[in-house]
Amino acid sequence: MAGFVGRFEHSVDSKGRVILPVRFRDEFARGGFLTPNREGCVALRTPGENERQMAEMLEAAKSSADGRNQARVWAANTAEIEIDKQGRMAIPAHLREFANLEGDVLIHGAIDRIELWNPTQWDERVKPMEAWFLEGDE
């Protein structure tokens, strides 16, 4: 797997849809899964990566009540999506609200998933590390 890389800027339309960048579309020909990410964004995973994540959740659910509750929350908030012929995907309202996705959206590759960020939240949470990375020592 080469992984997802790159950074793109798009907008959520009035129907709650966003365009998936062309470079990512082939991996989602069979659809994908959107989940809230504890960092404050929404993660888009391929069906295969979602199955791997589900197996992790099931394993955690076997060991404790907290693990079962985490699996419940993850499953309840995961949404299966399809990409239409124009490359758009509908983001359910609960996920748009979770990540504050209105207007502009930053879409970037995060190796094993794609993340959708509110640009202001990206600037607050990730931008300091981005500056360190770009200016830092090797």
N, C-alpha and C. Protein backbone atom coordinates (compact mmCIF):
# COMPACT_ATOMS: atom_id res chain seq x y z
N MET A 1 0.85 -1.19 0.00
CA MET A 1 0.00 0.00 0.00
C MET A 1 0.88 1.24 0.00
N ALA A 2 0.63 2.12 -0.93
CA ALA A 2 1.39 3.35 -1.03
C ALA A 2 0.97 4.36 0.03
N GLY A 3 -0.27 4.30 0.44
CA GLY A 3 -0.76 5.22 1.44
C GLY A 3 -1.34 6.48 0.83
N PHE A 4 -2.13 7.17 1.63
CA PHE A 4 -2.76 8.41 1.20
C PHE A 4 -1.88 9.58 1.60
N VAL A 5 -1.52 10.41 0.63
CA VAL A 5 -0.73 11.60 0.88
C VAL A 5 -1.30 12.75 0.06
N GLY A 6 -0.99 13.95 0.44
CA GLY A 6 -1.43 15.13 -0.29
C GLY A 6 -2.42 15.94 0.52
N ARG A 7 -2.61 17.17 0.07
CA ARG A 7 -3.46 18.13 0.78
C ARG A 7 -4.29 18.91 -0.24
N PHE A 8 -5.58 19.02 0.05
CA PHE A 8 -6.50 19.66 -0.89
C PHE A 8 -7.50 20.50 -0.12
N GLU A 9 -8.03 21.52 -0.76
CA GLU A 9 -9.04 22.37 -0.14
C GLU A 9 -10.30 22.33 -1.00
N HIS A 10 -11.41 22.01 -0.36
CA HIS A 10 -12.71 21.97 -1.02
C HIS A 10 -13.72 22.61 -0.08
N SER A 11 -14.99 22.58 -0.48
CA SER A 11 -16.06 23.17 0.33
C SER A 11 -17.21 22.19 0.47
N VAL A 12 -17.90 22.27 1.59
CA VAL A 12 -19.12 21.51 1.78
C VAL A 12 -20.24 22.29 1.09
N ASP A 13 -21.02 21.59 0.25
CA ASP A 13 -22.11 22.28 -0.44
C ASP A 13 -23.37 22.33 0.43
N SER A 14 -24.42 22.91 -0.08
CA SER A 14 -25.65 23.10 0.69
C SER A 14 -26.33 21.79 1.06
N LYS A 15 -25.96 20.69 0.39
CA LYS A 15 -26.53 19.38 0.70
C LYS A 15 -25.62 18.55 1.61
N GLY A 16 -24.55 19.17 2.13
CA GLY A 16 -23.64 18.46 3.04
C GLY A 16 -22.66 17.55 2.32
N ARG A 17 -22.40 17.82 1.05
CA ARG A 17 -21.47 17.00 0.27
C ARG A 17 -20.15 17.74 0.07
N VAL A 18 -19.10 16.95 -0.10
CA VAL A 18 -17.79 17.51 -0.41
C VAL A 18 -17.19 16.66 -1.53
N ILE A 19 -16.40 17.30 -2.35
CA ILE A 19 -15.75 16.59 -3.45
C ILE A 19 -14.50 15.89 -2.92
N LEU A 20 -14.39 14.60 -3.22
CA LEU A 20 -13.20 13.85 -2.88
C LEU A 20 -12.18 14.09 -3.99
N PRO A 21 -10.96 14.50 -3.64
CA PRO A 21 -9.95 14.76 -4.68
C PRO A 21 -9.76 13.56 -5.60
N VAL A 22 -9.55 13.83 -6.86
CA VAL A 22 -9.40 12.79 -7.88
C VAL A 22 -8.35 11.75 -7.49
N ARG A 23 -7.24 12.19 -6.91
CA ARG A 23 -6.15 11.26 -6.60
C ARG A 23 -6.57 10.19 -5.60
N PHE A 24 -7.63 10.43 -4.83
CA PHE A 24 -8.08 9.47 -3.82
C PHE A 24 -9.24 8.59 -4.29
N ARG A 25 -9.88 8.93 -5.37
CA ARG A 25 -11.15 8.28 -5.73
C ARG A 25 -11.05 6.80 -6.05
N ASP A 26 -10.01 6.35 -6.71
CA ASP A 26 -9.93 4.93 -7.10
C ASP A 26 -10.06 4.00 -5.90
N GLU A 27 -9.48 4.38 -4.77
CA GLU A 27 -9.53 3.54 -3.58
C GLU A 27 -10.94 3.43 -2.99
N PHE A 28 -11.84 4.32 -3.41
CA PHE A 28 -13.18 4.35 -2.86
C PHE A 28 -14.25 4.01 -3.90
N ALA A 29 -13.85 3.28 -4.94
CA ALA A 29 -14.80 2.87 -5.98
C ALA A 29 -15.92 2.02 -5.38
N ARG A 30 -15.61 1.25 -4.34
CA ARG A 30 -16.62 0.42 -3.65
C ARG A 30 -17.21 1.15 -2.44
N GLY A 31 -16.98 2.44 -2.33
CA GLY A 31 -17.48 3.20 -1.19
C GLY A 31 -16.42 3.32 -0.11
N GLY A 32 -16.84 3.80 1.05
CA GLY A 32 -15.93 3.99 2.16
C GLY A 32 -16.70 4.20 3.44
N PHE A 33 -15.97 4.52 4.49
CA PHE A 33 -16.57 4.69 5.81
C PHE A 33 -16.03 5.96 6.46
N LEU A 34 -16.94 6.80 6.94
CA LEU A 34 -16.58 8.01 7.66
C LEU A 34 -16.75 7.75 9.14
N THR A 35 -15.76 8.16 9.92
CA THR A 35 -15.84 8.02 11.38
C THR A 35 -15.29 9.28 12.04
N PRO A 36 -15.82 9.61 13.21
CA PRO A 36 -15.22 10.73 13.94
C PRO A 36 -13.84 10.32 14.44
N ASN A 37 -12.91 11.24 14.40
CA ASN A 37 -11.56 10.98 14.89
C ASN A 37 -11.39 11.79 16.17
N ARG A 38 -10.82 11.19 17.18
CA ARG A 38 -10.69 11.85 18.48
C ARG A 38 -9.86 13.13 18.42
N GLU A 39 -9.15 13.36 17.34
CA GLU A 39 -8.38 14.59 17.19
C GLU A 39 -9.27 15.77 16.81
N GLY A 40 -10.51 15.50 16.38
CA GLY A 40 -11.44 16.58 16.04
C GLY A 40 -11.77 16.67 14.56
N CYS A 41 -11.35 15.70 13.78
CA CYS A 41 -11.66 15.68 12.36
C CYS A 41 -12.54 14.47 12.07
N VAL A 42 -12.86 14.28 10.79
CA VAL A 42 -13.57 13.09 10.34
C VAL A 42 -12.59 12.29 9.49
N ALA A 43 -12.53 10.98 9.75
CA ALA A 43 -11.65 10.09 9.00
C ALA A 43 -12.45 9.34 7.95
N LEU A 44 -11.91 9.24 6.75
CA LEU A 44 -12.49 8.44 5.67
C LEU A 44 -11.57 7.24 5.46
N ARG A 45 -12.15 6.05 5.60
CA ARG A 45 -11.37 4.82 5.44
C ARG A 45 -11.93 3.98 4.30
N THR A 46 -11.05 3.24 3.66
CA THR A 46 -11.47 2.27 2.65
C THR A 46 -12.22 1.15 3.34
N PRO A 47 -12.99 0.36 2.59
CA PRO A 47 -13.66 -0.78 3.21
C PRO A 47 -12.68 -1.73 3.91
N GLY A 48 -11.54 -1.98 3.32
CA GLY A 48 -10.55 -2.87 3.95
C GLY A 48 -9.98 -2.31 5.24
N GLU A 49 -9.67 -1.03 5.26
CA GLU A 49 -9.14 -0.41 6.46
C GLU A 49 -10.22 -0.33 7.54
N ASN A 50 -11.47 -0.14 7.12
CA ASN A 50 -12.56 -0.12 8.09
C ASN A 50 -12.71 -1.50 8.74
N GLU A 51 -12.55 -2.57 7.95
CA GLU A 51 -12.62 -3.93 8.51
C GLU A 51 -11.51 -4.13 9.54
N ARG A 52 -10.31 -3.64 9.25
CA ARG A 52 -9.20 -3.76 10.20
C ARG A 52 -9.53 -3.00 11.48
N GLN A 53 -10.07 -1.80 11.35
CA GLN A 53 -10.45 -0.99 12.50
C GLN A 53 -11.54 -1.70 13.31
N MET A 54 -12.49 -2.30 12.60
CA MET A 54 -13.57 -3.01 13.27
C MET A 54 -13.03 -4.20 14.08
N ALA A 55 -12.07 -4.91 13.51
CA ALA A 55 -11.46 -6.03 14.24
C ALA A 55 -10.78 -5.55 15.51
N GLU A 56 -10.11 -4.39 15.45
CA GLU A 56 -9.49 -3.82 16.65
C GLU A 56 -10.55 -3.48 17.70
N MET A 57 -11.65 -2.92 17.26
CA MET A 57 -12.73 -2.57 18.19
C MET A 57 -13.32 -3.82 18.83
N LEU A 58 -13.51 -4.86 18.04
CA LEU A 58 -14.06 -6.11 18.58
C LEU A 58 -13.11 -6.72 19.61
N GLU A 59 -11.84 -6.66 19.35
CA GLU A 59 -10.84 -7.19 20.29
C GLU A 59 -10.88 -6.40 21.60
N ALA A 60 -10.95 -5.08 21.49
CA ALA A 60 -11.01 -4.25 22.69
C ALA A 60 -12.30 -4.50 23.46
N ALA A 61 -13.39 -4.78 22.75
CA ALA A 61 -14.68 -5.01 23.39
C ALA A 61 -14.68 -6.28 24.23
N LYS A 62 -13.82 -7.23 23.91
CA LYS A 62 -13.75 -8.49 24.64
C LYS A 62 -13.15 -8.33 26.03
N SER A 63 -12.38 -7.27 26.23
CA SER A 63 -11.59 -7.18 27.45
C SER A 63 -12.21 -6.35 28.58
N SER A 64 -13.16 -5.45 28.27
CA SER A 64 -13.68 -4.60 29.34
C SER A 64 -14.97 -3.91 28.93
N ALA A 65 -15.68 -3.41 29.92
CA ALA A 65 -16.89 -2.63 29.66
C ALA A 65 -16.53 -1.35 28.92
N ASP A 66 -15.40 -0.72 29.26
CA ASP A 66 -14.97 0.47 28.54
C ASP A 66 -14.71 0.15 27.07
N GLY A 67 -14.09 -0.98 26.81
CA GLY A 67 -13.83 -1.40 25.44
C GLY A 67 -15.12 -1.62 24.66
N ARG A 68 -16.12 -2.21 25.33
CA ARG A 68 -17.41 -2.41 24.68
C ARG A 68 -18.09 -1.08 24.39
N ASN A 69 -18.00 -0.15 25.33
CA ASN A 69 -18.60 1.17 25.11
C ASN A 69 -17.89 1.93 23.99
N GLN A 70 -16.56 1.82 23.94
CA GLN A 70 -15.82 2.46 22.85
C GLN A 70 -16.25 1.88 21.51
N ALA A 71 -16.40 0.56 21.45
CA ALA A 71 -16.84 -0.08 20.21
C ALA A 71 -18.25 0.38 19.84
N ARG A 72 -19.12 0.50 20.83
CA ARG A 72 -20.48 0.97 20.56
C ARG A 72 -20.48 2.38 19.97
N VAL A 73 -19.73 3.26 20.61
CA VAL A 73 -19.68 4.65 20.15
C VAL A 73 -19.10 4.71 18.73
N TRP A 74 -18.03 3.96 18.50
CA TRP A 74 -17.40 3.95 17.18
C TRP A 74 -18.39 3.45 16.13
N ALA A 75 -19.05 2.32 16.40
CA ALA A 75 -19.99 1.75 15.43
C ALA A 75 -21.19 2.67 15.20
N ALA A 76 -21.72 3.25 16.26
CA ALA A 76 -22.89 4.10 16.14
C ALA A 76 -22.61 5.36 15.33
N ASN A 77 -21.38 5.82 15.35
CA ASN A 77 -21.02 7.06 14.66
C ASN A 77 -20.34 6.86 13.32
N THR A 78 -20.14 5.62 12.92
CA THR A 78 -19.55 5.32 11.62
C THR A 78 -20.64 5.35 10.55
N ALA A 79 -20.33 5.95 9.40
CA ALA A 79 -21.29 6.05 8.31
C ALA A 79 -20.67 5.49 7.03
N GLU A 80 -21.39 4.57 6.40
CA GLU A 80 -20.95 4.04 5.11
C GLU A 80 -21.35 5.06 4.04
N ILE A 81 -20.43 5.37 3.14
CA ILE A 81 -20.70 6.38 2.12
C ILE A 81 -20.39 5.83 0.73
N GLU A 82 -20.95 6.50 -0.26
CA GLU A 82 -20.64 6.22 -1.66
C GLU A 82 -20.15 7.52 -2.29
N ILE A 83 -19.34 7.37 -3.31
CA ILE A 83 -18.84 8.52 -4.06
C ILE A 83 -19.67 8.57 -5.36
N ASP A 84 -20.30 9.71 -5.64
CA ASP A 84 -21.11 9.79 -6.86
C ASP A 84 -20.23 10.03 -8.09
N LYS A 85 -20.84 10.10 -9.26
CA LYS A 85 -20.08 10.23 -10.51
C LYS A 85 -19.31 11.54 -10.61
N GLN A 86 -19.71 12.55 -9.84
CA GLN A 86 -18.99 13.82 -9.82
C GLN A 86 -17.90 13.84 -8.75
N GLY A 87 -17.74 12.71 -8.04
CA GLY A 87 -16.70 12.62 -7.02
C GLY A 87 -17.13 13.18 -5.67
N ARG A 88 -18.42 13.39 -5.49
CA ARG A 88 -18.91 13.94 -4.22
C ARG A 88 -19.33 12.84 -3.26
N MET A 89 -19.16 13.12 -1.98
CA MET A 89 -19.66 12.22 -0.94
C MET A 89 -20.45 13.05 0.06
N ALA A 90 -21.56 12.48 0.50
CA ALA A 90 -22.39 13.15 1.49
C ALA A 90 -21.83 12.86 2.88
N ILE A 91 -21.65 13.90 3.66
CA ILE A 91 -21.18 13.75 5.04
C ILE A 91 -22.40 13.88 5.95
N PRO A 92 -22.73 12.83 6.70
CA PRO A 92 -23.90 12.93 7.58
C PRO A 92 -23.79 14.12 8.54
N ALA A 93 -24.97 14.65 8.89
CA ALA A 93 -25.02 15.86 9.72
C ALA A 93 -24.28 15.69 11.04
N HIS A 94 -24.39 14.51 11.68
CA HIS A 94 -23.73 14.34 12.98
C HIS A 94 -22.21 14.40 12.85
N LEU A 95 -21.66 13.99 11.72
CA LEU A 95 -20.21 14.07 11.53
C LEU A 95 -19.79 15.48 11.12
N ARG A 96 -20.62 16.16 10.33
CA ARG A 96 -20.30 17.57 10.01
C ARG A 96 -20.29 18.39 11.28
N GLU A 97 -21.26 18.15 12.15
CA GLU A 97 -21.33 18.88 13.41
C GLU A 97 -20.14 18.54 14.31
N PHE A 98 -19.81 17.26 14.41
CA PHE A 98 -18.69 16.83 15.24
C PHE A 98 -17.40 17.57 14.88
N ALA A 99 -17.10 17.66 13.58
CA ALA A 99 -15.84 18.25 13.14
C ALA A 99 -15.98 19.71 12.69
N ASN A 100 -17.18 20.28 12.88
CA ASN A 100 -17.43 21.66 12.48
C ASN A 100 -17.09 21.88 11.01
N LEU A 101 -17.61 20.99 10.16
CA LEU A 101 -17.35 21.07 8.72
C LEU A 101 -18.45 21.87 8.04
N GLU A 102 -18.18 23.13 7.85
CA GLU A 102 -19.07 24.05 7.15
C GLU A 102 -18.19 24.88 6.24
N GLY A 103 -18.66 25.15 5.06
CA GLY A 103 -17.85 25.97 4.16
C GLY A 103 -16.58 25.23 3.75
N ASP A 104 -15.44 25.86 3.95
CA ASP A 104 -14.17 25.28 3.52
C ASP A 104 -13.82 24.05 4.34
N VAL A 105 -13.24 23.06 3.65
CA VAL A 105 -12.78 21.82 4.29
C VAL A 105 -11.39 21.51 3.77
N LEU A 106 -10.50 21.18 4.68
CA LEU A 106 -9.16 20.72 4.33
C LEU A 106 -9.21 19.20 4.27
N ILE A 107 -8.85 18.63 3.13
CA ILE A 107 -8.85 17.18 2.94
C ILE A 107 -7.40 16.77 2.72
N HIS A 108 -6.91 15.86 3.55
CA HIS A 108 -5.52 15.45 3.37
C HIS A 108 -5.34 13.96 3.62
N GLY A 109 -4.31 13.44 2.98
CA GLY A 109 -3.95 12.06 3.21
C GLY A 109 -3.26 11.91 4.55
N ALA A 110 -3.60 10.85 5.27
CA ALA A 110 -2.99 10.57 6.57
C ALA A 110 -2.50 9.11 6.57
N ILE A 111 -1.90 8.71 5.48
CA ILE A 111 -1.29 7.41 5.24
C ILE A 111 -2.33 6.29 5.13
N ASP A 112 -2.97 5.89 6.24
CA ASP A 112 -3.93 4.78 6.17
C ASP A 112 -5.37 5.25 6.08
N ARG A 113 -5.58 6.56 6.01
CA ARG A 113 -6.92 7.13 5.93
C ARG A 113 -6.81 8.53 5.33
N ILE A 114 -7.97 9.10 5.07
CA ILE A 114 -8.05 10.49 4.63
C ILE A 114 -8.75 11.24 5.76
N GLU A 115 -8.30 12.44 6.05
CA GLU A 115 -8.93 13.23 7.10
C GLU A 115 -9.55 14.49 6.51
N LEU A 116 -10.71 14.84 7.06
CA LEU A 116 -11.42 16.06 6.68
C LEU A 116 -11.43 16.97 7.90
N TRP A 117 -10.86 18.16 7.73
CA TRP A 117 -10.69 19.11 8.83
C TRP A 117 -11.35 20.44 8.54
N ASN A 118 -11.87 21.05 9.57
CA ASN A 118 -12.21 22.45 9.54
C ASN A 118 -10.86 23.18 9.51
N PRO A 119 -10.61 24.07 8.54
CA PRO A 119 -9.29 24.71 8.45
C PRO A 119 -8.85 25.45 9.72
N THR A 120 -9.78 26.05 10.44
CA THR A 120 -9.42 26.76 11.67
C THR A 120 -8.94 25.77 12.73
N GLN A 121 -9.64 24.64 12.86
CA GLN A 121 -9.22 23.64 13.83
C GLN A 121 -7.87 23.02 13.43
N TRP A 122 -7.65 22.83 12.15
CA TRP A 122 -6.35 22.35 11.67
C TRP A 122 -5.25 23.33 12.11
N ASP A 123 -5.50 24.61 11.89
CA ASP A 123 -4.51 25.63 12.25
C ASP A 123 -4.21 25.61 13.75
N GLU A 124 -5.23 25.37 14.56
CA GLU A 124 -5.03 25.35 16.01
C GLU A 124 -4.33 24.08 16.49
N ARG A 125 -4.70 22.93 15.93
CA ARG A 125 -4.19 21.64 16.45
C ARG A 125 -2.94 21.15 15.74
N VAL A 126 -2.85 21.37 14.44
CA VAL A 126 -1.80 20.73 13.66
C VAL A 126 -0.75 21.71 13.15
N LYS A 127 -1.15 22.92 12.86
CA LYS A 127 -0.24 23.90 12.27
C LYS A 127 1.06 24.09 13.06
N PRO A 128 1.02 24.13 14.41
CA PRO A 128 2.29 24.27 15.14
C PRO A 128 3.28 23.14 14.81
N MET A 129 2.79 21.91 14.67
CA MET A 129 3.67 20.80 14.32
C MET A 129 4.13 20.91 12.88
N GLU A 130 3.26 21.41 12.02
CA GLU A 130 3.62 21.58 10.63
C GLU A 130 4.79 22.56 10.51
N ALA A 131 4.72 23.66 11.25
CA ALA A 131 5.81 24.63 11.24
C ALA A 131 7.09 24.01 11.77
N TRP A 132 6.99 23.24 12.87
CA TRP A 132 8.18 22.58 13.42
C TRP A 132 8.77 21.60 12.41
N PHE A 133 7.92 20.84 11.75
CA PHE A 133 8.38 19.85 10.79
C PHE A 133 9.08 20.50 9.60
N LEU A 134 8.48 21.55 9.05
CA LEU A 134 9.05 22.19 7.88
C LEU A 134 10.32 22.97 8.18
N GLU A 135 10.47 23.44 9.42
CA GLU A 135 11.64 24.23 9.78
C GLU A 135 12.67 23.44 10.58
N GLY A 136 12.30 22.25 11.03
CA GLY A 136 13.13 21.49 11.95
C GLY A 136 14.34 20.83 11.33
N ASP A 137 15.12 20.25 12.22
CA ASP A 137 16.30 19.51 11.80
C ASP A 137 15.89 18.15 11.30
N GLU A 138 16.76 17.54 10.49
CA GLU A 138 16.47 16.20 9.98
C GLU A 138 16.85 15.14 10.97
